[in-house]
Amino acid sequence: MCSGRSYRRIEEIGMISTELFPYTSFPIRLEFMEGKHSRVCYFQDKTHLNKYLIKHKINKKTANILYNEET
C-alpha cells in the first residue's frame, strides 16, 4: 500500500465483493467526486486506470481506488 493514497483491499472496508465489484472481469474500482456528484468507474487493469486518471485530470490522493483481491 502507498502512503497518502486511498488504495484499499475489500477486506479492509468490510463489504461484500459482489456489492463493490458487480463485474468479475473488472477488478479495479475508482470512486471520485465530479462536481457535486460521486462517480464510480471500473477497470480491467492499472494501465486503463492510469489513462483515465490522466485524461480526466483526477488526483489520486482525493480519489478512492479499490482492488478486488478475489479475481
Protein backbone atom coordinates (compact mmCIF):
# COMPACT_ATOMS: atom_id res chain seq x y z
CA MET A 1 0.00 0.00 0.00
CA CYS A 2 1.15 3.53 -0.77
CA SER A 3 1.01 6.12 1.99
CA GLY A 4 -1.20 9.12 1.35
CA ARG A 5 -3.32 7.33 -1.23
CA SER A 6 -6.58 5.52 -0.68
CA TYR A 7 -5.70 2.14 -2.15
CA ARG A 8 -7.60 -0.46 -0.15
CA ARG A 9 -8.48 -4.09 -0.37
CA ILE A 10 -12.09 -5.10 0.08
CA GLU A 11 -11.27 -6.96 3.31
CA GLU A 12 -10.18 -3.68 4.90
CA ILE A 13 -13.52 -1.98 4.38
CA GLY A 14 -15.69 -4.98 5.29
CA MET A 15 -18.06 -5.09 2.32
CA ILE A 16 -19.10 -8.00 0.17
CA SER A 17 -17.18 -8.08 -3.10
CA THR A 18 -20.31 -8.52 -5.24
CA GLU A 19 -21.66 -5.22 -3.92
CA LEU A 20 -18.48 -3.32 -4.74
CA PHE A 21 -17.43 -5.31 -7.80
CA PRO A 22 -20.50 -6.43 -9.77
CA TYR A 23 -18.35 -7.24 -12.83
CA THR A 24 -15.88 -10.09 -12.40
CA SER A 25 -13.72 -9.01 -15.34
CA PHE A 26 -13.19 -5.51 -13.86
CA PRO A 27 -11.22 -5.91 -10.59
CA ILE A 28 -10.35 -2.22 -10.13
CA ARG A 29 -12.88 0.30 -8.84
CA LEU A 30 -12.41 4.08 -8.90
CA GLU A 31 -14.63 6.37 -6.84
CA PHE A 32 -14.33 10.16 -7.08
CA MET A 33 -16.35 13.34 -6.87
CA GLU A 34 -17.19 15.08 -10.12
CA GLY A 35 -18.64 18.41 -9.15
CA LYS A 36 -21.38 17.64 -6.62
CA HIS A 37 -21.89 14.05 -7.80
CA SER A 38 -19.94 10.95 -6.91
CA ARG A 39 -18.79 8.80 -9.80
CA VAL A 40 -17.83 5.11 -9.89
CA CYS A 41 -15.77 3.54 -12.68
CA TYR A 42 -14.45 0.00 -13.18
CA PHE A 43 -11.24 -1.01 -14.97
CA GLN A 44 -9.63 -4.23 -16.21
CA ASP A 45 -6.06 -3.28 -15.29
CA LYS A 46 -3.87 -0.49 -13.93
CA THR A 47 -2.94 0.86 -17.36
CA HIS A 48 -6.59 1.59 -18.17
CA LEU A 49 -6.99 3.23 -14.76
CA ASN A 50 -3.90 5.41 -15.23
CA LYS A 51 -5.04 6.51 -18.71
CA TYR A 52 -8.41 7.54 -17.28
CA LEU A 53 -6.83 9.42 -14.36
CA ILE A 54 -4.52 11.35 -16.70
CA LYS A 55 -7.19 12.06 -19.32
CA HIS A 56 -9.69 13.42 -16.79
CA LYS A 57 -7.05 15.03 -14.54
CA ILE A 58 -8.16 13.19 -11.41
CA ASN A 59 -5.94 13.48 -8.36
CA LYS A 60 -5.08 10.03 -6.95
CA LYS A 61 -4.96 11.45 -3.43
CA THR A 62 -8.59 12.53 -3.49
CA ALA A 63 -9.90 9.52 -5.41
CA ASN A 64 -10.73 6.20 -3.79
CA ILE A 65 -9.19 3.23 -5.64
CA LEU A 66 -10.16 -0.32 -4.64
CA TYR A 67 -8.75 -3.62 -5.86
CA ASN A 68 -10.69 -6.89 -5.81
CA GLU A 69 -8.26 -9.49 -4.46
CA GLU A 70 -10.60 -12.40 -5.23
CA THR A 71 -10.13 -12.38 -9.02
